[in-house]
């Protein structure tokens, strides 16, 4: 077996504890006991993808009982940094790998990162369910989130928040290691810096939870994280242009301005069980799980079968 961080153990069983997939090892169940050796695939990265990654890992235990998949989040940047060091088999990312990151990976491991697009996501703009606003444009978002932005109160945008004594906009963002943070900064802020004073959350779910509990909040997160406590705004590229919902159809057609791809990265061409696992993710079985999680599969029609 090559040294691509695939760990072969005598036994493994996977379990979800507190939303994190853990691998439990039991020496008594290996080949000496008549059972096959187990293989562990290490996956790390995007918090946008962590829910579907955990769902894939759990379902794959049925498809391949001799393979366990360990999943952890931390952000796309964290996953890619681990790939650069050769400490994971797969990095999940909601943004594309940067040239300098690929160069470091090649320098450290001798292998160039290989990209696999596994689905799509609409980066949704969330407000509290009681916020009367229904749509927003990319320039308006920049005025709210960018360091030189002028919108600091909802009244500045002509919006009255019911029951709010102070209509100061609470900006909910992500930590800088997040691929979602970098995607938003590039495609909304034009690579300008964020305005100081935002609430920077560690995960996609936490962004939506805070927006849902704060009447004057606005934040951005994957479309799969919507709850009854929040509203997703329609989005237009410019004021006065048509605004589009973050839906499967609008994401596939890319008329939704913040449509993006979801990808996996490996060091070089994947081999063995890692290749089999990625092939399964790209199969109708894996794509169906992606769709059930609220993300957009590569072939929506095929993923429903």
C-alpha atoms as a PDB file:
ATOM      1  CA  UNK A   1       0.000   0.000   0.000  1.00  0.00           C
ATOM      2  CA  UNK A   2       1.398   3.438  -0.889  1.00  0.00           C
ATOM      3  CA  UNK A   3       2.020   6.115   1.678  1.00  0.00           C
ATOM      4  CA  UNK A   4      -0.964   8.319   0.833  1.00  0.00           C
ATOM      5  CA  UNK A   5      -2.213   8.395   4.385  1.00  0.00           C
ATOM      6  CA  UNK A   6      -4.533   5.411   4.057  1.00  0.00           C
ATOM      7  CA  UNK A   7      -4.359   3.695   7.417  1.00  0.00           C
ATOM      8  CA  UNK A   8      -4.945  -0.042   7.532  1.00  0.00           C
ATOM      9  CA  UNK A   9      -6.129  -1.306  10.906  1.00  0.00           C
ATOM     10  CA  UNK A  10      -7.303  -4.590  12.317  1.00  0.00           C
ATOM     11  CA  UNK A  11     -10.847  -3.380  12.871  1.00  0.00           C
ATOM     12  CA  UNK A  12     -12.916  -0.242  12.696  1.00  0.00           C
ATOM     13  CA  UNK A  13     -16.461   0.766  13.353  1.00  0.00           C
ATOM     14  CA  UNK A  14     -17.769   4.285  12.654  1.00  0.00           C
ATOM     15  CA  UNK A  15     -20.110   6.215  14.914  1.00  0.00           C
ATOM     16  CA  UNK A  16     -21.524   9.739  15.072  1.00  0.00           C
ATOM     17  CA  UNK A  17     -20.911  11.421  18.408  1.00  0.00           C
ATOM     18  CA  UNK A  18     -21.988  15.061  18.728  1.00  0.00           C
ATOM     19  CA  UNK A  19     -22.178  15.408  14.946  1.00  0.00           C
ATOM     20  CA  UNK A  20     -18.583  14.202  14.378  1.00  0.00           C
ATOM     21  CA  UNK A  21     -17.743  10.902  12.767  1.00  0.00           C
ATOM     22  CA  UNK A  22     -15.334   8.959  14.951  1.00  0.00           C
ATOM     23  CA  UNK A  23     -13.499   5.729  14.171  1.00  0.00           C
ATOM     24  CA  UNK A  24     -13.410   3.131  16.933  1.00  0.00           C
ATOM     25  CA  UNK A  25     -10.676   0.496  16.752  1.00  0.00           C
ATOM     26  CA  UNK A  26     -10.936  -3.029  18.142  1.00  0.00           C
ATOM     27  CA  UNK A  27      -7.866  -5.297  17.785  1.00  0.00           C
ATOM     28  CA  UNK A  28      -9.940  -8.426  18.302  1.00  0.00           C
ATOM     29  CA  UNK A  29     -11.761  -8.213  14.961  1.00  0.00           C
ATOM     30  CA  UNK A  30      -8.900  -8.315  12.440  1.00  0.00           C
ATOM     31  CA  UNK A  31      -7.583 -11.020  10.218  1.00  0.00           C
ATOM     32  CA  UNK A  32      -6.527 -13.103  13.180  1.00  0.00           C
ATOM     33  CA  UNK A  33     -10.203 -13.402  14.059  1.00  0.00           C
ATOM     34  CA  UNK A  34     -11.180 -14.417  10.550  1.00  0.00           C
ATOM     35  CA  UNK A  35     -12.401 -10.991   9.368  1.00  0.00           C
ATOM     36  CA  UNK A  36     -10.840  -8.793   6.688  1.00  0.00           C
ATOM     37  CA  UNK A  37      -8.490  -5.926   7.520  1.00  0.00           C
ATOM     38  CA  UNK A  38     -10.128  -2.506   7.631  1.00  0.00           C
ATOM     39  CA  UNK A  39      -9.069   0.637   5.786  1.00  0.00           C
ATOM     40  CA  UNK A  40      -9.585   4.185   7.057  1.00  0.00           C
ATOM     41  CA  UNK A  41      -9.892   7.137   4.687  1.00  0.00           C
ATOM     42  CA  UNK A  42      -9.101  10.513   6.242  1.00  0.00           C
ATOM     43  CA  UNK A  43     -11.272  13.443   5.038  1.00  0.00           C
ATOM     44  CA  UNK A  44     -11.024  17.048   6.228  1.00  0.00           C
ATOM     45  CA  UNK A  45     -12.098  20.521   5.167  1.00  0.00           C
ATOM     46  CA  UNK A  46     -15.174  22.508   4.181  1.00  0.00           C
ATOM     47  CA  UNK A  47     -17.804  23.167   6.841  1.00  0.00           C
ATOM     48  CA  UNK A  48     -20.298  23.751   4.042  1.00  0.00           C
ATOM     49  CA  UNK A  49     -19.731  20.140   3.021  1.00  0.00           C
ATOM     50  CA  UNK A  50     -19.301  18.554   6.444  1.00  0.00           C
ATOM     51  CA  UNK A  51     -22.922  17.411   6.791  1.00  0.00           C
ATOM     52  CA  UNK A  52     -23.011  15.698   3.409  1.00  0.00           C
ATOM     53  CA  UNK A  53     -19.495  14.327   3.984  1.00  0.00           C
ATOM     54  CA  UNK A  54     -20.654  12.699   7.208  1.00  0.00           C
ATOM     55  CA  UNK A  55     -23.765  11.351   5.475  1.00  0.00           C
ATOM     56  CA  UNK A  56     -21.583   9.887   2.720  1.00  0.00           C
ATOM     57  CA  UNK A  57     -19.296   8.300   5.287  1.00  0.00           C
ATOM     58  CA  UNK A  58     -22.176   6.721   7.191  1.00  0.00           C
ATOM     59  CA  UNK A  59     -23.832   5.340   4.043  1.00  0.00           C
ATOM     60  CA  UNK A  60     -20.548   3.999   2.700  1.00  0.00           C
ATOM     61  CA  UNK A  61     -20.242   1.673   5.696  1.00  0.00           C
ATOM     62  CA  UNK A  62     -23.101  -0.290   4.111  1.00  0.00           C
ATOM     63  CA  UNK A  63     -21.641  -0.162   0.610  1.00  0.00           C
ATOM     64  CA  UNK A  64     -18.118  -1.102   1.785  1.00  0.00           C
ATOM     65  CA  UNK A  65     -18.109  -2.611   5.301  1.00  0.00           C
ATOM     66  CA  UNK A  66     -14.320  -2.971   5.267  1.00  0.00           C
ATOM     67  CA  UNK A  67     -13.781   0.780   4.836  1.00  0.00           C
ATOM     68  CA  UNK A  68     -14.224   3.490   7.440  1.00  0.00           C
ATOM     69  CA  UNK A  69     -14.251   7.194   6.602  1.00  0.00           C
ATOM     70  CA  UNK A  70     -13.170   9.715   9.231  1.00  0.00           C
ATOM     71  CA  UNK A  71     -14.601  13.195   8.606  1.00  0.00           C
ATOM     72  CA  UNK A  72     -13.692  16.508  10.227  1.00  0.00           C
ATOM     73  CA  UNK A  73     -14.412  20.120   9.274  1.00  0.00           C
ATOM     74  CA  UNK A  74     -12.548  23.307  10.089  1.00  0.00           C
ATOM     75  CA  UNK A  75     -12.956  25.036   6.732  1.00  0.00           C
ATOM     76  CA  UNK A  76     -11.715  24.550   3.172  1.00  0.00           C
ATOM     77  CA  UNK A  77      -8.393  26.187   4.008  1.00  0.00           C
ATOM     78  CA  UNK A  78      -7.812  23.758   6.867  1.00  0.00           C
ATOM     79  CA  UNK A  79      -8.514  20.771   4.637  1.00  0.00           C
ATOM     80  CA  UNK A  80      -6.267  22.023   1.856  1.00  0.00           C
ATOM     81  CA  UNK A  81      -3.477  22.781   4.367  1.00  0.00           C
ATOM     82  CA  UNK A  82      -3.710  19.175   5.600  1.00  0.00           C
ATOM     83  CA  UNK A  83      -3.527  17.952   2.003  1.00  0.00           C
ATOM     84  CA  UNK A  84      -0.418  20.067   1.432  1.00  0.00           C
ATOM     85  CA  UNK A  85       1.252  18.202   4.308  1.00  0.00           C
ATOM     86  CA  UNK A  86       0.010  14.812   3.118  1.00  0.00           C
ATOM     87  CA  UNK A  87      -1.899  14.143   6.356  1.00  0.00           C
ATOM     88  CA  UNK A  88      -5.296  13.472   4.749  1.00  0.00           C
ATOM     89  CA  UNK A  89      -6.497  11.403   1.806  1.00  0.00           C
ATOM     90  CA  UNK A  90      -9.215  13.848   0.718  1.00  0.00           C
ATOM     91  CA  UNK A  91      -9.686  17.592   1.246  1.00  0.00           C
ATOM     92  CA  UNK A  92     -13.246  18.906   0.923  1.00  0.00           C
ATOM     93  CA  UNK A  93     -13.453  22.464  -0.419  1.00  0.00           C
ATOM     94  CA  UNK A  94     -16.219  24.918  -1.282  1.00  0.00           C
ATOM     95  CA  UNK A  95     -13.667  26.985  -3.218  1.00  0.00           C
ATOM     96  CA  UNK A  96     -10.995  26.178  -5.762  1.00  0.00           C
ATOM     97  CA  UNK A  97      -7.495  25.407  -4.609  1.00  0.00           C
ATOM     98  CA  UNK A  98      -5.104  28.340  -5.046  1.00  0.00           C
ATOM     99  CA  UNK A  99      -2.001  28.033  -7.282  1.00  0.00           C
ATOM    100  CA  UNK A 100       0.305  28.625  -4.329  1.00  0.00           C
ATOM    101  CA  UNK A 101      -1.461  25.886  -2.329  1.00  0.00           C
ATOM    102  CA  UNK A 102      -1.055  23.432  -5.202  1.00  0.00           C
ATOM    103  CA  UNK A 103       2.623  24.378  -5.468  1.00  0.00           C
ATOM    104  CA  UNK A 104       3.187  23.747  -1.750  1.00  0.00           C
ATOM    105  CA  UNK A 105       1.470  20.367  -2.006  1.00  0.00           C
ATOM    106  CA  UNK A 106       3.719  19.390  -4.927  1.00  0.00           C
ATOM    107  CA  UNK A 107       6.816  20.603  -3.090  1.00  0.00           C
ATOM    108  CA  UNK A 108       5.945  18.793   0.153  1.00  0.00           C
ATOM    109  CA  UNK A 109       4.626  15.510  -1.242  1.00  0.00           C
ATOM    110  CA  UNK A 110       5.876  15.268  -4.812  1.00  0.00           C
ATOM    111  CA  UNK A 111       2.282  15.017  -6.055  1.00  0.00           C
ATOM    112  CA  UNK A 112      -0.009  17.549  -7.700  1.00  0.00           C
ATOM    113  CA  UNK A 113      -3.536  17.952  -6.269  1.00  0.00           C
ATOM    114  CA  UNK A 114      -6.290  16.350  -8.341  1.00  0.00           C
ATOM    115  CA  UNK A 115      -9.716  18.046  -8.361  1.00  0.00           C
ATOM    116  CA  UNK A 116     -13.090  16.287  -8.423  1.00  0.00           C
ATOM    117  CA  UNK A 117     -16.235  18.431  -8.710  1.00  0.00           C
ATOM    118  CA  UNK A 118     -18.909  16.480  -6.822  1.00  0.00           C
ATOM    119  CA  UNK A 119     -21.836  18.926  -6.797  1.00  0.00           C
ATOM    120  CA  UNK A 120     -22.954  22.532  -6.603  1.00  0.00           C
ATOM    121  CA  UNK A 121     -24.237  24.968  -4.002  1.00  0.00           C
ATOM    122  CA  UNK A 122     -25.922  28.336  -4.013  1.00  0.00           C
ATOM    123  CA  UNK A 123     -24.303  30.585  -1.413  1.00  0.00           C
ATOM    124  CA  UNK A 124     -27.481  31.892   0.202  1.00  0.00           C
ATOM    125  CA  UNK A 125     -28.066  35.275   1.860  1.00  0.00           C
ATOM    126  CA  UNK A 126     -29.987  34.820   5.118  1.00  0.00           C
ATOM    127  CA  UNK A 127     -32.025  37.294   7.179  1.00  0.00           C
ATOM    128  CA  UNK A 128     -34.386  36.778  10.108  1.00  0.00           C
ATOM    129  CA  UNK A 129     -37.810  35.430   9.082  1.00  0.00           C
ATOM    130  CA  UNK A 130     -39.498  38.658  10.263  1.00  0.00           C
ATOM    131  CA  UNK A 131     -37.307  40.884   8.098  1.00  0.00           C
ATOM    132  CA  UNK A 132     -39.612  42.325   5.382  1.00  0.00           C
ATOM    133  CA  UNK A 133     -36.819  42.460   2.799  1.00  0.00           C
ATOM    134  CA  UNK A 134     -37.270  39.924  -0.013  1.00  0.00           C
ATOM    135  CA  UNK A 135     -34.323  40.579  -2.322  1.00  0.00           C
ATOM    136  CA  UNK A 136     -30.904  42.202  -2.402  1.00  0.00           C
ATOM    137  CA  UNK A 137     -28.197  42.936  -4.968  1.00  0.00           C
ATOM    138  CA  UNK A 138     -24.487  42.158  -4.867  1.00  0.00           C
ATOM    139  CA  UNK A 139     -23.560  45.875  -4.613  1.00  0.00           C
ATOM    140  CA  UNK A 140     -25.960  46.277  -1.665  1.00  0.00           C
ATOM    141  CA  UNK A 141     -24.318  43.310   0.049  1.00  0.00           C
ATOM    142  CA  UNK A 142     -20.934  44.914  -0.494  1.00  0.00           C
ATOM    143  CA  UNK A 143     -22.204  48.135   1.071  1.00  0.00           C
ATOM    144  CA  UNK A 144     -23.164  46.107   4.144  1.00  0.00           C
ATOM    145  CA  UNK A 145     -20.099  43.842   4.486  1.00  0.00           C
ATOM    146  CA  UNK A 146     -17.141  45.663   2.868  1.00  0.00           C
ATOM    147  CA  UNK A 147     -14.770  47.829   4.919  1.00  0.00           C
ATOM    148  CA  UNK A 148     -15.765  50.941   2.947  1.00  0.00           C
ATOM    149  CA  UNK A 149     -19.474  50.051   2.867  1.00  0.00           C
ATOM    150  CA  UNK A 150     -21.960  52.755   3.850  1.00  0.00           C
ATOM    151  CA  UNK A 151     -24.946  50.625   4.954  1.00  0.00           C
ATOM    152  CA  UNK A 152     -24.876  50.191   8.728  1.00  0.00           C
ATOM    153  CA  UNK A 153     -28.607  50.359   9.579  1.00  0.00           C
ATOM    154  CA  UNK A 154     -31.588  48.706   7.931  1.00  0.00           C
ATOM    155  CA  UNK A 155     -33.262  52.088   7.631  1.00  0.00           C
ATOM    156  CA  UNK A 156     -30.364  53.129   5.360  1.00  0.00           C
ATOM    157  CA  UNK A 157     -31.680  50.509   2.934  1.00  0.00           C
ATOM    158  CA  UNK A 158     -35.302  51.602   3.382  1.00  0.00           C
ATOM    159  CA  UNK A 159     -36.171  48.601   5.550  1.00  0.00           C
ATOM    160  CA  UNK A 160     -38.087  48.733   8.842  1.00  0.00           C
ATOM    161  CA  UNK A 161     -37.551  45.732  11.127  1.00  0.00           C
ATOM    162  CA  UNK A 162     -40.711  44.950  13.170  1.00  0.00           C
ATOM    163  CA  UNK A 163     -40.146  45.055  16.928  1.00  0.00           C
ATOM    164  CA  UNK A 164     -36.519  46.223  16.701  1.00  0.00           C
ATOM    165  CA  UNK A 165     -35.641  49.223  18.880  1.00  0.00           C
ATOM    166  CA  UNK A 166     -32.181  49.408  17.299  1.00  0.00           C
ATOM    167  CA  UNK A 167     -31.977  48.654  13.574  1.00  0.00           C
ATOM    168  CA  UNK A 168     -28.173  48.437  13.409  1.00  0.00           C
ATOM    169  CA  UNK A 169     -27.301  45.654  10.967  1.00  0.00           C
ATOM    170  CA  UNK A 170     -25.662  42.656  12.646  1.00  0.00           C
ATOM    171  CA  UNK A 171     -23.274  41.194  10.079  1.00  0.00           C
ATOM    172  CA  UNK A 172     -22.739  37.449  10.435  1.00  0.00           C
ATOM    173  CA  UNK A 173     -19.694  36.094   8.627  1.00  0.00           C
ATOM    174  CA  UNK A 174     -17.274  33.139   8.695  1.00  0.00           C
ATOM    175  CA  UNK A 175     -13.726  32.683   9.906  1.00  0.00           C
ATOM    176  CA  UNK A 176     -10.950  33.450   7.418  1.00  0.00           C
ATOM    177  CA  UNK A 177     -10.022  29.762   6.907  1.00  0.00           C
ATOM    178  CA  UNK A 178     -13.471  29.145   5.412  1.00  0.00           C
ATOM    179  CA  UNK A 179     -13.854  28.622   1.681  1.00  0.00           C
ATOM    180  CA  UNK A 180     -17.249  30.299   1.978  1.00  0.00           C
ATOM    181  CA  UNK A 181     -15.567  33.384   3.472  1.00  0.00           C
ATOM    182  CA  UNK A 182     -13.086  33.531   0.582  1.00  0.00           C
ATOM    183  CA  UNK A 183     -15.769  32.943  -2.053  1.00  0.00           C
ATOM    184  CA  UNK A 184     -17.913  35.756  -0.610  1.00  0.00           C
ATOM    185  CA  UNK A 185     -14.915  38.090  -0.355  1.00  0.00           C
ATOM    186  CA  UNK A 186     -13.982  37.471  -3.997  1.00  0.00           C
ATOM    187  CA  UNK A 187     -17.431  37.445  -5.616  1.00  0.00           C
ATOM    188  CA  UNK A 188     -19.246  40.025  -3.464  1.00  0.00           C
ATOM    189  CA  UNK A 189     -16.565  42.317  -2.070  1.00  0.00           C
ATOM    190  CA  UNK A 190     -14.271  42.229  -5.093  1.00  0.00           C
ATOM    191  CA  UNK A 191     -11.444  41.020  -2.800  1.00  0.00           C
ATOM    192  CA  UNK A 192     -11.820  44.069  -0.533  1.00  0.00           C
ATOM    193  CA  UNK A 193     -11.521  43.449   3.189  1.00  0.00           C
ATOM    194  CA  UNK A 194     -14.523  42.893   5.424  1.00  0.00           C
ATOM    195  CA  UNK A 195     -15.797  45.701   7.626  1.00  0.00           C
ATOM    196  CA  UNK A 196     -14.633  45.269  11.223  1.00  0.00           C
ATOM    197  CA  UNK A 197     -17.149  44.222  13.849  1.00  0.00           C
ATOM    198  CA  UNK A 198     -18.843  41.270  12.154  1.00  0.00           C
ATOM    199  CA  UNK A 199     -19.773  38.123  14.077  1.00  0.00           C
ATOM    200  CA  UNK A 200     -17.424  35.516  12.608  1.00  0.00           C
ATOM    201  CA  UNK A 201     -18.738  31.993  13.087  1.00  0.00           C
ATOM    202  CA  UNK A 202     -16.823  28.721  12.883  1.00  0.00           C
ATOM    203  CA  UNK A 203     -19.448  26.812  10.912  1.00  0.00           C
ATOM    204  CA  UNK A 204     -22.203  27.166   8.317  1.00  0.00           C
ATOM    205  CA  UNK A 205     -24.884  25.985  10.735  1.00  0.00           C
ATOM    206  CA  UNK A 206     -23.825  28.527  13.363  1.00  0.00           C
ATOM    207  CA  UNK A 207     -24.242  31.401  10.871  1.00  0.00           C
ATOM    208  CA  UNK A 208     -27.870  30.462  10.202  1.00  0.00           C
ATOM    209  CA  UNK A 209     -28.611  29.885  13.889  1.00  0.00           C
ATOM    210  CA  UNK A 210     -27.362  33.356  14.844  1.00  0.00           C
ATOM    211  CA  UNK A 211     -29.304  35.032  12.020  1.00  0.00           C
ATOM    212  CA  UNK A 212     -32.424  33.139  13.103  1.00  0.00           C
ATOM    213  CA  UNK A 213     -32.103  34.423  16.657  1.00  0.00           C
ATOM    214  CA  UNK A 214     -31.277  38.057  15.768  1.00  0.00           C
ATOM    215  CA  UNK A 215     -33.945  40.196  14.088  1.00  0.00           C
ATOM    216  CA  UNK A 216     -31.499  42.667  12.586  1.00  0.00           C
ATOM    217  CA  UNK A 217     -28.918  40.125  11.379  1.00  0.00           C
ATOM    218  CA  UNK A 218     -27.826  39.198   7.873  1.00  0.00           C
ATOM    219  CA  UNK A 219     -25.412  36.439   6.974  1.00  0.00           C
ATOM    220  CA  UNK A 220     -24.279  34.084   4.236  1.00  0.00           C
ATOM    221  CA  UNK A 221     -24.107  30.283   4.233  1.00  0.00           C
ATOM    222  CA  UNK A 222     -24.809  27.249   2.075  1.00  0.00           C
ATOM    223  CA  UNK A 223     -28.389  26.878   0.847  1.00  0.00           C
ATOM    224  CA  UNK A 224     -28.663  23.473   2.521  1.00  0.00           C
ATOM    225  CA  UNK A 225     -28.640  25.075   5.992  1.00  0.00           C
ATOM    226  CA  UNK A 226     -31.992  26.903   5.802  1.00  0.00           C
ATOM    227  CA  UNK A 227     -34.348  26.642   8.809  1.00  0.00           C
ATOM    228  CA  UNK A 228     -37.846  27.999   9.572  1.00  0.00           C
ATOM    229  CA  UNK A 229     -36.244  30.780  11.642  1.00  0.00           C
ATOM    230  CA  UNK A 230     -34.652  32.447   8.627  1.00  0.00           C
ATOM    231  CA  UNK A 231     -35.491  33.740   5.164  1.00  0.00           C
ATOM    232  CA  UNK A 232     -33.297  33.389   2.069  1.00  0.00           C
ATOM    233  CA  UNK A 233     -33.243  36.569   0.000  1.00  0.00           C
ATOM    234  CA  UNK A 234     -33.507  36.584  -3.771  1.00  0.00           C
ATOM    235  CA  UNK A 235     -30.279  37.885  -5.266  1.00  0.00           C
ATOM    236  CA  UNK A 236     -29.507  40.055  -8.281  1.00  0.00           C
ATOM    237  CA  UNK A 237     -26.162  40.885  -9.839  1.00  0.00           C
ATOM    238  CA  UNK A 238     -27.023  44.613  -9.996  1.00  0.00           C
ATOM    239  CA  UNK A 239     -29.822  46.851  -8.701  1.00  0.00           C
ATOM    240  CA  UNK A 240     -32.745  46.814 -11.119  1.00  0.00           C
ATOM    241  CA  UNK A 241     -31.780  43.484 -12.674  1.00  0.00           C
ATOM    242  CA  UNK A 242     -33.865  40.305 -12.108  1.00  0.00           C
ATOM    243  CA  UNK A 243     -33.363  38.714  -8.701  1.00  0.00           C
ATOM    244  CA  UNK A 244     -33.140  34.928  -8.474  1.00  0.00           C
ATOM    245  CA  UNK A 245     -33.828  32.435  -5.706  1.00  0.00           C
ATOM    246  CA  UNK A 246     -31.135  30.033  -4.508  1.00  0.00           C
ATOM    247  CA  UNK A 247     -32.728  26.933  -6.050  1.00  0.00           C
ATOM    248  CA  UNK A 248     -31.415  23.779  -7.696  1.00  0.00           C
ATOM    249  CA  UNK A 249     -32.476  24.958 -11.165  1.00  0.00           C
ATOM    250  CA  UNK A 250     -31.022  28.458 -10.747  1.00  0.00           C
ATOM    251  CA  UNK A 251     -27.775  27.065  -9.381  1.00  0.00           C
ATOM    252  CA  UNK A 252     -27.378  24.559 -12.217  1.00  0.00           C
ATOM    253  CA  UNK A 253     -28.098  27.250 -14.840  1.00  0.00           C
ATOM    254  CA  UNK A 254     -25.838  29.701 -12.959  1.00  0.00           C
ATOM    255  CA  UNK A 255     -28.376  32.520 -13.210  1.00  0.00           C
ATOM    256  CA  UNK A 256     -28.121  32.669  -9.418  1.00  0.00           C
ATOM    257  CA  UNK A 257     -25.208  35.102  -8.917  1.00  0.00           C
ATOM    258  CA  UNK A 258     -23.498  33.129  -6.131  1.00  0.00           C
ATOM    259  CA  UNK A 259     -23.644  29.623  -7.602  1.00  0.00           C
ATOM    260  CA  UNK A 260     -20.465  27.662  -6.874  1.00  0.00           C
ATOM    261  CA  UNK A 261     -19.029  24.175  -7.200  1.00  0.00           C
ATOM    262  CA  UNK A 262     -18.205  21.752  -4.399  1.00  0.00           C
ATOM    263  CA  UNK A 263     -15.025  19.756  -4.825  1.00  0.00           C
ATOM    264  CA  UNK A 264     -12.755  17.091  -3.421  1.00  0.00           C
ATOM    265  CA  UNK A 265      -8.961  17.191  -3.736  1.00  0.00           C
ATOM    266  CA  UNK A 266      -6.518  14.295  -3.572  1.00  0.00           C
ATOM    267  CA  UNK A 267      -2.752  14.103  -3.988  1.00  0.00           C
ATOM    268  CA  UNK A 268      -2.342  12.834  -7.523  1.00  0.00           C
ATOM    269  CA  UNK A 269      -4.706  10.273  -9.018  1.00  0.00           C
ATOM    270  CA  UNK A 270      -6.483   8.477  -6.163  1.00  0.00           C
ATOM    271  CA  UNK A 271      -5.725   4.811  -5.757  1.00  0.00           C
ATOM    272  CA  UNK A 272      -7.329   1.784  -4.138  1.00  0.00           C
ATOM    273  CA  UNK A 273     -10.094   2.419  -1.637  1.00  0.00           C
ATOM    274  CA  UNK A 274      -9.871   6.197  -2.006  1.00  0.00           C
ATOM    275  CA  UNK A 275     -10.616   5.908  -5.723  1.00  0.00           C
ATOM    276  CA  UNK A 276     -13.492   3.510  -5.045  1.00  0.00           C
ATOM    277  CA  UNK A 277     -14.934   5.934  -2.479  1.00  0.00           C
ATOM    278  CA  UNK A 278     -14.784   8.944  -4.819  1.00  0.00           C
ATOM    279  CA  UNK A 279     -16.301   6.865  -7.627  1.00  0.00           C
ATOM    280  CA  UNK A 280     -19.151   5.968  -5.260  1.00  0.00           C
ATOM    281  CA  UNK A 281     -19.688   9.651  -4.320  1.00  0.00           C
ATOM    282  CA  UNK A 282     -20.006  10.436  -8.036  1.00  0.00           C
ATOM    283  CA  UNK A 283     -22.379   7.519  -8.596  1.00  0.00           C
ATOM    284  CA  UNK A 284     -26.202   7.870  -8.404  1.00  0.00           C
ATOM    285  CA  UNK A 285     -26.091   6.515  -4.814  1.00  0.00           C
ATOM    286  CA  UNK A 286     -23.657   9.184  -3.615  1.00  0.00           C
ATOM    287  CA  UNK A 287     -25.306  11.956  -5.612  1.00  0.00           C
ATOM    288  CA  UNK A 288     -28.698  11.051  -4.170  1.00  0.00           C
ATOM    289  CA  UNK A 289     -27.305  11.630  -0.667  1.00  0.00           C
ATOM    290  CA  UNK A 290     -25.970  15.016  -1.813  1.00  0.00           C
ATOM    291  CA  UNK A 291     -29.446  15.965  -3.070  1.00  0.00           C
ATOM    292  CA  UNK A 292     -31.112  14.755   0.129  1.00  0.00           C
ATOM    293  CA  UNK A 293     -28.736  16.987   2.082  1.00  0.00           C
ATOM    294  CA  UNK A 294     -30.050  20.050   0.200  1.00  0.00           C
ATOM    295  CA  UNK A 295     -27.103  20.523  -2.141  1.00  0.00           C
ATOM    296  CA  UNK A 296     -27.209  20.337  -5.948  1.00  0.00           C
ATOM    297  CA  UNK A 297     -26.045  17.087  -7.586  1.00  0.00           C
ATOM    298  CA  UNK A 298     -24.151  16.981 -10.854  1.00  0.00           C
ATOM    299  CA  UNK A 299     -27.146  15.361 -12.578  1.00  0.00           C
ATOM    300  CA  UNK A 300     -30.337  16.179 -10.663  1.00  0.00           C
ATOM    301  CA  UNK A 301     -32.431  13.752 -12.749  1.00  0.00           C
ATOM    302  CA  UNK A 302     -30.034  10.863 -12.232  1.00  0.00           C
ATOM    303  CA  UNK A 303     -29.651  11.536  -8.508  1.00  0.00           C
ATOM    304  CA  UNK A 304     -33.339  10.896  -7.861  1.00  0.00           C
ATOM    305  CA  UNK A 305     -33.188   7.302  -9.078  1.00  0.00           C
END
